PDB file of all heavy atoms in Angstrom:
ATOM      1  N   GLU A   1     -55.336 -42.925  -2.186  1.00  0.00           N
ATOM      2  CA  GLU A   1     -54.904 -41.696  -2.865  1.00  0.00           C
ATOM      3  C   GLU A   1     -53.467 -41.808  -3.368  1.00  0.00           C
ATOM      4  O   GLU A   1     -53.119 -41.261  -4.407  1.00  0.00           O
ATOM      5  CB  GLU A   1     -55.028 -40.491  -1.929  1.00  0.00           C
ATOM      6  CG  GLU A   1     -56.448 -40.144  -1.529  1.00  0.00           C
ATOM      7  CD  GLU A   1     -56.993 -41.074  -0.451  1.00  0.00           C
ATOM      8  OE1 GLU A   1     -56.193 -41.798   0.175  1.00  0.00           O
ATOM      9  OE2 GLU A   1     -58.219 -41.077  -0.236  1.00  0.00           O
ATOM     10  N   GLN A   2     -52.644 -42.551  -2.618  1.00  0.00           N
ATOM     11  CA  GLN A   2     -51.251 -42.729  -3.023  1.00  0.00           C
ATOM     12  C   GLN A   2     -51.162 -43.605  -4.274  1.00  0.00           C
ATOM     13  O   GLN A   2     -50.393 -43.315  -5.190  1.00  0.00           O
ATOM     14  CB  GLN A   2     -50.464 -43.379  -1.872  1.00  0.00           C
ATOM     15  CG  GLN A   2     -48.960 -43.374  -2.053  1.00  0.00           C
ATOM     16  CD  GLN A   2     -48.326 -42.074  -1.632  1.00  0.00           C
ATOM     17  OE1 GLN A   2     -48.887 -41.010  -1.834  1.00  0.00           O
ATOM     18  NE2 GLN A   2     -47.163 -42.151  -1.030  1.00  0.00           N
ATOM     19  N   LEU A   3     -51.955 -44.659  -4.315  1.00  0.00           N
ATOM     20  CA  LEU A   3     -51.966 -45.528  -5.493  1.00  0.00           C
ATOM     21  C   LEU A   3     -52.448 -44.786  -6.731  1.00  0.00           C
ATOM     22  O   LEU A   3     -51.937 -44.997  -7.836  1.00  0.00           O
ATOM     23  CB  LEU A   3     -52.865 -46.744  -5.243  1.00  0.00           C
ATOM     24  CG  LEU A   3     -52.212 -47.970  -4.599  1.00  0.00           C
ATOM     25  CD1 LEU A   3     -53.266 -49.033  -4.326  1.00  0.00           C
ATOM     26  CD2 LEU A   3     -51.108 -48.539  -5.477  1.00  0.00           C
ATOM     27  N   GLU A   4     -53.416 -43.913  -6.552  1.00  0.00           N
ATOM     28  CA  GLU A   4     -53.968 -43.178  -7.688  1.00  0.00           C
ATOM     29  C   GLU A   4     -52.954 -42.216  -8.298  1.00  0.00           C
ATOM     30  O   GLU A   4     -53.046 -41.870  -9.474  1.00  0.00           O
ATOM     31  CB  GLU A   4     -55.226 -42.410  -7.255  1.00  0.00           C
ATOM     32  CG  GLU A   4     -56.404 -43.314  -6.954  1.00  0.00           C
ATOM     33  CD  GLU A   4     -57.636 -42.550  -6.520  1.00  0.00           C
ATOM     34  OE1 GLU A   4     -57.495 -41.373  -6.121  1.00  0.00           O
ATOM     35  OE2 GLU A   4     -58.731 -43.120  -6.566  1.00  0.00           O
ATOM     36  N   LYS A   5     -51.981 -41.787  -7.507  1.00  0.00           N
ATOM     37  CA  LYS A   5     -50.948 -40.868  -8.001  1.00  0.00           C
ATOM     38  C   LYS A   5     -49.763 -41.608  -8.597  1.00  0.00           C
ATOM     39  O   LYS A   5     -48.855 -40.987  -9.161  1.00  0.00           O
ATOM     40  CB  LYS A   5     -50.453 -39.970  -6.861  1.00  0.00           C
ATOM     41  CG  LYS A   5     -51.479 -39.003  -6.320  1.00  0.00           C
ATOM     42  CD  LYS A   5     -50.871 -38.030  -5.340  1.00  0.00           C
ATOM     43  CE  LYS A   5     -50.399 -38.713  -4.065  1.00  0.00           C
ATOM     44  NZ  LYS A   5     -49.909 -37.736  -3.065  1.00  0.00           N
ATOM     45  N   THR A   6     -49.734 -42.933  -8.466  1.00  0.00           N
ATOM     46  CA  THR A   6     -48.568 -43.725  -8.840  1.00  0.00           C
ATOM     47  C   THR A   6     -48.575 -44.095 -10.323  1.00  0.00           C
ATOM     48  O   THR A   6     -49.562 -44.608 -10.838  1.00  0.00           O
ATOM     49  CB  THR A   6     -48.504 -45.022  -7.996  1.00  0.00           C
ATOM     50  OG1 THR A   6     -48.475 -44.673  -6.606  1.00  0.00           O
ATOM     51  CG2 THR A   6     -47.276 -45.833  -8.342  1.00  0.00           C
ATOM     52  N   ASP A   7     -47.453 -43.839 -10.993  1.00  0.00           N
ATOM     53  CA  ASP A   7     -47.277 -44.273 -12.383  1.00  0.00           C
ATOM     54  C   ASP A   7     -46.649 -45.652 -12.448  1.00  0.00           C
ATOM     55  O   ASP A   7     -47.017 -46.468 -13.298  1.00  0.00           O
ATOM     56  CB  ASP A   7     -46.397 -43.281 -13.148  1.00  0.00           C
ATOM     57  CG  ASP A   7     -47.058 -41.929 -13.301  1.00  0.00           C
ATOM     58  OD1 ASP A   7     -48.237 -41.891 -13.700  1.00  0.00           O
ATOM     59  OD2 ASP A   7     -46.400 -40.910 -13.014  1.00  0.00           O
ATOM     60  N   VAL A   8     -45.669 -45.903 -11.597  1.00  0.00           N
ATOM     61  CA  VAL A   8     -45.006 -47.215 -11.585  1.00  0.00           C
ATOM     62  C   VAL A   8     -44.781 -47.657 -10.142  1.00  0.00           C
ATOM     63  O   VAL A   8     -44.347 -46.878  -9.294  1.00  0.00           O
ATOM     64  CB  VAL A   8     -43.671 -47.181 -12.366  1.00  0.00           C
ATOM     65  CG1 VAL A   8     -42.704 -46.141 -11.807  1.00  0.00           C
ATOM     66  CG2 VAL A   8     -43.002 -48.558 -12.362  1.00  0.00           C
ATOM     67  N   LEU A   9     -45.101 -48.926  -9.880  1.00  0.00           N
ATOM     68  CA  LEU A   9     -44.946 -49.518  -8.559  1.00  0.00           C
ATOM     69  C   LEU A   9     -43.814 -50.537  -8.601  1.00  0.00           C
ATOM     70  O   LEU A   9     -43.845 -51.478  -9.395  1.00  0.00           O
ATOM     71  CB  LEU A   9     -46.244 -50.214  -8.143  1.00  0.00           C
ATOM     72  CG  LEU A   9     -46.218 -51.047  -6.857  1.00  0.00           C
ATOM     73  CD1 LEU A   9     -45.955 -50.148  -5.642  1.00  0.00           C
ATOM     74  CD2 LEU A   9     -47.525 -51.808  -6.692  1.00  0.00           C
ATOM     75  N   PHE A  10     -42.791 -50.326  -7.766  1.00  0.00           N
ATOM     76  CA  PHE A  10     -41.719 -51.305  -7.612  1.00  0.00           C
ATOM     77  C   PHE A  10     -42.167 -52.283  -6.526  1.00  0.00           C
ATOM     78  O   PHE A  10     -42.317 -51.902  -5.363  1.00  0.00           O
ATOM     79  CB  PHE A  10     -40.403 -50.633  -7.230  1.00  0.00           C
ATOM     80  CG  PHE A  10     -39.869 -49.735  -8.310  1.00  0.00           C
ATOM     81  CD1 PHE A  10     -40.027 -48.361  -8.242  1.00  0.00           C
ATOM     82  CD2 PHE A  10     -39.225 -50.277  -9.408  1.00  0.00           C
ATOM     83  CE1 PHE A  10     -39.547 -47.536  -9.247  1.00  0.00           C
ATOM     84  CE2 PHE A  10     -38.730 -49.461 -10.420  1.00  0.00           C
ATOM     85  CZ  PHE A  10     -38.897 -48.095 -10.342  1.00  0.00           C
ATOM     86  N   LEU A  11     -42.391 -53.525  -6.917  1.00  0.00           N
ATOM     87  CA  LEU A  11     -43.088 -54.477  -6.056  1.00  0.00           C
ATOM     88  C   LEU A  11     -42.223 -55.695  -5.731  1.00  0.00           C
ATOM     89  O   LEU A  11     -41.848 -56.460  -6.615  1.00  0.00           O
ATOM     90  CB  LEU A  11     -44.377 -54.921  -6.753  1.00  0.00           C
ATOM     91  CG  LEU A  11     -45.264 -55.928  -6.039  1.00  0.00           C
ATOM     92  CD1 LEU A  11     -45.791 -55.358  -4.726  1.00  0.00           C
ATOM     93  CD2 LEU A  11     -46.423 -56.344  -6.948  1.00  0.00           C
ATOM     94  N   ASP A  12     -41.930 -55.866  -4.445  1.00  0.00           N
ATOM     95  CA  ASP A  12     -41.266 -57.080  -3.981  1.00  0.00           C
ATOM     96  C   ASP A  12     -42.317 -58.183  -3.858  1.00  0.00           C
ATOM     97  O   ASP A  12     -43.512 -57.909  -3.751  1.00  0.00           O
ATOM     98  CB  ASP A  12     -40.592 -56.822  -2.631  1.00  0.00           C
ATOM     99  CG  ASP A  12     -39.733 -57.985  -2.184  1.00  0.00           C
ATOM    100  OD1 ASP A  12     -39.327 -58.798  -3.035  1.00  0.00           O
ATOM    101  OD2 ASP A  12     -39.483 -58.092  -0.965  1.00  0.00           O
ATOM    102  N   ILE A  13     -41.870 -59.428  -3.857  1.00  0.00           N
ATOM    103  CA  ILE A  13     -42.814 -60.544  -3.754  1.00  0.00           C
ATOM    104  C   ILE A  13     -42.929 -61.058  -2.327  1.00  0.00           C
ATOM    105  O   ILE A  13     -44.029 -61.251  -1.803  1.00  0.00           O
ATOM    106  CB  ILE A  13     -42.425 -61.680  -4.714  1.00  0.00           C
ATOM    107  CG1 ILE A  13     -42.625 -61.214  -6.158  1.00  0.00           C
ATOM    108  CG2 ILE A  13     -43.259 -62.935  -4.430  1.00  0.00           C
ATOM    109  CD1 ILE A  13     -42.232 -62.218  -7.203  1.00  0.00           C
ATOM    110  N   GLN A  14     -41.796 -61.241  -1.662  1.00  0.00           N
ATOM    111  CA  GLN A  14     -41.812 -61.746  -0.293  1.00  0.00           C
ATOM    112  C   GLN A  14     -42.103 -60.594   0.669  1.00  0.00           C
ATOM    113  O   GLN A  14     -41.204 -59.856   1.066  1.00  0.00           O
ATOM    114  CB  GLN A  14     -40.455 -62.388   0.043  1.00  0.00           C
ATOM    115  CG  GLN A  14     -40.100 -63.580  -0.828  1.00  0.00           C
ATOM    116  CD  GLN A  14     -41.026 -64.760  -0.602  1.00  0.00           C
ATOM    117  OE1 GLN A  14     -41.593 -64.933   0.472  1.00  0.00           O
ATOM    118  NE2 GLN A  14     -41.186 -65.587  -1.621  1.00  0.00           N
ATOM    119  N   LEU A  15     -43.380 -60.453   1.024  1.00  0.00           N
ATOM    120  CA  LEU A  15     -43.813 -59.362   1.889  1.00  0.00           C
ATOM    121  C   LEU A  15     -44.630 -59.908   3.064  1.00  0.00           C
ATOM    122  O   LEU A  15     -45.225 -60.984   2.955  1.00  0.00           O
ATOM    123  CB  LEU A  15     -44.689 -58.378   1.097  1.00  0.00           C
ATOM    124  CG  LEU A  15     -44.018 -57.599  -0.033  1.00  0.00           C
ATOM    125  CD1 LEU A  15     -45.072 -56.894  -0.873  1.00  0.00           C
ATOM    126  CD2 LEU A  15     -43.024 -56.590   0.526  1.00  0.00           C
ATOM    127  N   PRO A  16     -44.665 -59.175   4.168  1.00  0.00           N
ATOM    128  CA  PRO A  16     -45.492 -59.606   5.300  1.00  0.00           C
ATOM    129  C   PRO A  16     -46.986 -59.477   4.980  1.00  0.00           C
ATOM    130  O   PRO A  16     -47.381 -58.648   4.165  1.00  0.00           O
ATOM    131  CB  PRO A  16     -45.096 -58.639   6.420  1.00  0.00           C
ATOM    132  CG  PRO A  16     -44.596 -57.426   5.711  1.00  0.00           C
ATOM    133  CD  PRO A  16     -43.937 -57.933   4.455  1.00  0.00           C
ATOM    134  N   GLU A  17     -47.792 -60.306   5.596  1.00  0.00           N
ATOM    135  CA  GLU A  17     -49.259 -60.291   5.502  1.00  0.00           C
ATOM    136  C   GLU A  17     -49.783 -60.752   4.150  1.00  0.00           C
ATOM    137  O   GLU A  17     -50.595 -61.662   4.057  1.00  0.00           O
ATOM    138  CB  GLU A  17     -49.820 -58.896   5.842  1.00  0.00           C
ATOM    139  CG  GLU A  17     -49.450 -58.399   7.233  1.00  0.00           C
ATOM    140  CD  GLU A  17     -50.012 -57.036   7.531  1.00  0.00           C
ATOM    141  OE1 GLU A  17     -49.717 -56.108   6.757  1.00  0.00           O
ATOM    142  OE2 GLU A  17     -50.729 -56.904   8.529  1.00  0.00           O
ATOM    143  N   LEU A  18     -49.309 -60.134   3.072  1.00  0.00           N
ATOM    144  CA  LEU A  18     -49.818 -60.447   1.742  1.00  0.00           C
ATOM    145  C   LEU A  18     -48.671 -60.329   0.750  1.00  0.00           C
ATOM    146  O   LEU A  18     -48.056 -59.268   0.639  1.00  0.00           O
ATOM    147  CB  LEU A  18     -50.925 -59.449   1.381  1.00  0.00           C
ATOM    148  CG  LEU A  18     -51.777 -59.711   0.146  1.00  0.00           C
ATOM    149  CD1 LEU A  18     -52.632 -60.960   0.338  1.00  0.00           C
ATOM    150  CD2 LEU A  18     -52.686 -58.509  -0.132  1.00  0.00           C
ATOM    151  N   ASN A  19     -48.341 -61.434   0.043  1.00  0.00           N
ATOM    152  CA  ASN A  19     -47.197 -61.344  -0.860  1.00  0.00           C
ATOM    153  C   ASN A  19     -47.506 -60.439  -2.050  1.00  0.00           C
ATOM    154  O   ASN A  19     -48.672 -60.111  -2.319  1.00  0.00           O
ATOM    155  CB  ASN A  19     -46.703 -62.734  -1.303  1.00  0.00           C
ATOM    156  CG  ASN A  19     -47.578 -63.396  -2.348  1.00  0.00           C
ATOM    157  OD1 ASN A  19     -48.020 -62.781  -3.311  1.00  0.00           O
ATOM    158  ND2 ASN A  19     -47.834 -64.680  -2.165  1.00  0.00           N
ATOM    159  N   GLY A  20     -46.456 -60.029  -2.746  1.00  0.00           N
ATOM    160  CA  GLY A  20     -46.590 -59.011  -3.779  1.00  0.00           C
ATOM    161  C   GLY A  20     -47.574 -59.360  -4.884  1.00  0.00           C
ATOM    162  O   GLY A  20     -48.387 -58.523  -5.296  1.00  0.00           O
ATOM    163  N   ILE A  21     -47.511 -60.598  -5.372  1.00  0.00           N
ATOM    164  CA  ILE A  21     -48.399 -60.988  -6.466  1.00  0.00           C
ATOM    165  C   ILE A  21     -49.846 -61.067  -5.984  1.00  0.00           C
ATOM    166  O   ILE A  21     -50.770 -60.665  -6.692  1.00  0.00           O
ATOM    167  CB  ILE A  21     -47.941 -62.317  -7.092  1.00  0.00           C
ATOM    168  CG1 ILE A  21     -46.592 -62.103  -7.794  1.00  0.00           C
ATOM    169  CG2 ILE A  21     -48.980 -62.830  -8.086  1.00  0.00           C
ATOM    170  CD1 ILE A  21     -46.016 -63.342  -8.429  1.00  0.00           C
ATOM    171  N   SER A  22     -50.044 -61.565  -4.763  1.00  0.00           N
ATOM    172  CA  SER A  22     -51.407 -61.612  -4.208  1.00  0.00           C
ATOM    173  C   SER A  22     -51.971 -60.201  -4.064  1.00  0.00           C
ATOM    174  O   SER A  22     -53.153 -59.954  -4.341  1.00  0.00           O
ATOM    175  CB  SER A  22     -51.402 -62.321  -2.850  1.00  0.00           C
ATOM    176  OG  SER A  22     -51.037 -63.674  -2.988  1.00  0.00           O
ATOM    177  N   PHE A  23     -51.122 -59.267  -3.626  1.00  0.00           N
ATOM    178  CA  PHE A  23     -51.567 -57.873  -3.519  1.00  0.00           C
ATOM    179  C   PHE A  23     -51.921 -57.319  -4.892  1.00  0.00           C
ATOM    180  O   PHE A  23     -52.947 -56.650  -5.058  1.00  0.00           O
ATOM    181  CB  PHE A  23     -50.473 -57.021  -2.883  1.00  0.00           C
ATOM    182  CG  PHE A  23     -50.731 -55.543  -2.959  1.00  0.00           C
ATOM    183  CD1 PHE A  23     -51.760 -54.961  -2.242  1.00  0.00           C
ATOM    184  CD2 PHE A  23     -49.942 -54.732  -3.773  1.00  0.00           C
ATOM    185  CE1 PHE A  23     -52.012 -53.591  -2.327  1.00  0.00           C
ATOM    186  CE2 PHE A  23     -50.182 -53.369  -3.862  1.00  0.00           C
ATOM    187  CZ  PHE A  23     -51.219 -52.805  -3.127  1.00  0.00           C
ATOM    188  N   LEU A  24     -51.088 -57.607  -5.890  1.00  0.00           N
ATOM    189  CA  LEU A  24     -51.331 -57.121  -7.251  1.00  0.00           C
ATOM    190  C   LEU A  24     -52.684 -57.615  -7.760  1.00  0.00           C
ATOM    191  O   LEU A  24     -53.408 -56.877  -8.437  1.00  0.00           O
ATOM    192  CB  LEU A  24     -50.204 -57.580  -8.170  1.00  0.00           C
ATOM    193  CG  LEU A  24     -50.276 -57.171  -9.640  1.00  0.00           C
ATOM    194  CD1 LEU A  24     -50.368 -55.663  -9.782  1.00  0.00           C
ATOM    195  CD2 LEU A  24     -49.052 -57.710 -10.390  1.00  0.00           C
ATOM    196  N   LYS A  25     -53.047 -58.835  -7.426  1.00  0.00           N
ATOM    197  CA  LYS A  25     -54.317 -59.409  -7.881  1.00  0.00           C
ATOM    198  C   LYS A  25     -55.522 -58.695  -7.277  1.00  0.00           C
ATOM    199  O   LYS A  25     -56.629 -58.793  -7.807  1.00  0.00           O
ATOM    200  CB  LYS A  25     -54.372 -60.895  -7.552  1.00  0.00           C
ATOM    201  CG  LYS A  25     -53.421 -61.746  -8.389  1.00  0.00           C
ATOM    202  CD  LYS A  25     -53.487 -63.205  -7.979  1.00  0.00           C
ATOM    203  CE  LYS A  25     -52.551 -64.044  -8.832  1.00  0.00           C
ATOM    204  NZ  LYS A  25     -52.567 -65.481  -8.419  1.00  0.00           N
ATOM    205  N   THR A  26     -55.313 -57.987  -6.168  1.00  0.00           N
ATOM    206  CA  THR A  26     -56.426 -57.259  -5.545  1.00  0.00           C
ATOM    207  C   THR A  26     -56.706 -55.927  -6.232  1.00  0.00           C
ATOM    208  O   THR A  26     -57.751 -55.317  -5.994  1.00  0.00           O
ATOM    209  CB  THR A  26     -56.159 -56.984  -4.049  1.00  0.00           C
ATOM    210  OG1 THR A  26     -55.106 -56.010  -3.916  1.00  0.00           O
ATOM    211  CG2 THR A  26     -55.782 -58.254  -3.306  1.00  0.00           C
ATOM    212  N   LEU A  27     -55.783 -55.462  -7.076  1.00  0.00           N
ATOM    213  CA  LEU A  27     -55.926 -54.152  -7.722  1.00  0.00           C
ATOM    214  C   LEU A  27     -56.653 -54.300  -9.052  1.00  0.00           C
ATOM    215  O   LEU A  27     -56.201 -55.021  -9.940  1.00  0.00           O
ATOM    216  CB  LEU A  27     -54.547 -53.518  -7.954  1.00  0.00           C
ATOM    217  CG  LEU A  27     -53.664 -53.341  -6.716  1.00  0.00           C
ATOM    218  CD1 LEU A  27     -52.329 -52.714  -7.115  1.00  0.00           C
ATOM    219  CD2 LEU A  27     -54.362 -52.504  -5.669  1.00  0.00           C
ATOM    220  N   ARG A  28     -57.767 -53.602  -9.182  1.00  0.00           N
ATOM    221  CA  ARG A  28     -58.560 -53.703 -10.400  1.00  0.00           C
ATOM    222  C   ARG A  28     -57.867 -53.005 -11.563  1.00  0.00           C
ATOM    223  O   ARG A  28     -57.855 -53.495 -12.688  1.00  0.00           O
ATOM    224  CB  ARG A  28     -59.945 -53.099 -10.165  1.00  0.00           C
ATOM    225  CG  ARG A  28     -60.878 -53.289 -11.338  1.00  0.00           C
ATOM    226  CD  ARG A  28     -62.301 -52.917 -10.994  1.00  0.00           C
ATOM    227  NE  ARG A  28     -63.186 -53.060 -12.127  1.00  0.00           N
ATOM    228  CZ  ARG A  28     -64.478 -52.789 -12.105  1.00  0.00           C
ATOM    229  NH1 ARG A  28     -65.041 -52.373 -10.979  1.00  0.00           N
ATOM    230  NH2 ARG A  28     -65.228 -52.927 -13.175  1.00  0.00           N
ATOM    231  N   ASN A  29     -57.308 -51.824 -11.317  1.00  0.00           N
ATOM    232  CA  ASN A  29     -56.575 -51.081 -12.350  1.00  0.00           C
ATOM    233  C   ASN A  29     -55.252 -50.604 -11.767  1.00  0.00           C
ATOM    234  O   ASN A  29     -55.110 -49.440 -11.382  1.00  0.00           O
ATOM    235  CB  ASN A  29     -57.397 -49.892 -12.853  1.00  0.00           C
ATOM    236  CG  ASN A  29     -58.499 -50.311 -13.799  1.00  0.00           C
ATOM    237  OD1 ASN A  29     -58.233 -50.793 -14.895  1.00  0.00           O
ATOM    238  ND2 ASN A  29     -59.730 -50.144 -13.367  1.00  0.00           N
ATOM    239  N   PRO A  30     -54.282 -51.512 -11.672  1.00  0.00           N
ATOM    240  CA  PRO A  30     -53.007 -51.148 -11.045  1.00  0.00           C
ATOM    241  C   PRO A  30     -52.180 -50.215 -11.926  1.00  0.00           C
ATOM    242  O   PRO A  30     -52.413 -50.128 -13.140  1.00  0.00           O
ATOM    243  CB  PRO A  30     -52.309 -52.506 -10.900  1.00  0.00           C
ATOM    244  CG  PRO A  30     -52.848 -53.325 -12.025  1.00  0.00           C
ATOM    245  CD  PRO A  30     -54.306 -52.899 -12.153  1.00  0.00           C
ATOM    246  N   PRO A  31     -51.222 -49.514 -11.328  1.00  0.00           N
ATOM    247  CA  PRO A  31     -50.265 -48.757 -12.137  1.00  0.00           C
ATOM    248  C   PRO A  31     -49.353 -49.743 -12.860  1.00  0.00           C
ATOM    249  O   PRO A  31     -49.496 -50.965 -12.705  1.00  0.00           O
ATOM    250  CB  PRO A  31     -49.491 -47.951 -11.082  1.00  0.00           C
ATOM    251  CG  PRO A  31     -49.588 -48.782  -9.843  1.00  0.00           C
ATOM    252  CD  PRO A  31     -50.944 -49.429  -9.881  1.00  0.00           C
ATOM    253  N   LEU A  32     -48.430 -49.247 -13.648  1.00  0.00           N
ATOM    254  CA  LEU A  32     -47.429 -50.133 -14.222  1.00  0.00           C
ATOM    255  C   LEU A  32     -46.610 -50.733 -13.072  1.00  0.00           C
ATOM    256  O   LEU A  32     -46.315 -50.039 -12.097  1.00  0.00           O
ATOM    257  CB  LEU A  32     -46.517 -49.370 -15.179  1.00  0.00           C
ATOM    258  CG  LEU A  32     -47.198 -48.781 -16.418  1.00  0.00           C
ATOM    259  CD1 LEU A  32     -46.174 -48.051 -17.289  1.00  0.00           C
ATOM    260  CD2 LEU A  32     -47.917 -49.847 -17.220  1.00  0.00           C
ATOM    261  N   VAL A  33     -46.274 -51.998 -13.183  1.00  0.00           N
ATOM    262  CA  VAL A  33     -45.607 -52.702 -12.090  1.00  0.00           C
ATOM    263  C   VAL A  33     -44.279 -53.292 -12.556  1.00  0.00           C
ATOM    264  O   VAL A  33     -44.212 -53.963 -13.593  1.00  0.00           O
ATOM    265  CB  VAL A  33     -46.495 -53.836 -11.526  1.00  0.00           C
ATOM    266  CG1 VAL A  33     -45.739 -54.644 -10.477  1.00  0.00           C
ATOM    267  CG2 VAL A  33     -47.771 -53.259 -10.929  1.00  0.00           C
ATOM    268  N   VAL A  34     -43.233 -53.013 -11.787  1.00  0.00           N
ATOM    269  CA  VAL A  34     -41.921 -53.642 -11.993  1.00  0.00           C
ATOM    270  C   VAL A  34     -41.629 -54.479 -10.753  1.00  0.00           C
ATOM    271  O   VAL A  34     -41.519 -53.946  -9.652  1.00  0.00           O
ATOM    272  CB  VAL A  34     -40.814 -52.588 -12.202  1.00  0.00           C
ATOM    273  CG1 VAL A  34     -39.446 -53.265 -12.273  1.00  0.00           C
ATOM    274  CG2 VAL A  34     -41.075 -51.786 -13.478  1.00  0.00           C
TER     275      VAL A  34
END
């Protein structure tokens, strides 16, 4: 529900469990990403 309300996601790359780009690849229709 939080992702659905998001217009822009500020995304770091070095993250625990799943890095930022890998997470982005899991989103079928992501918000705009910076």
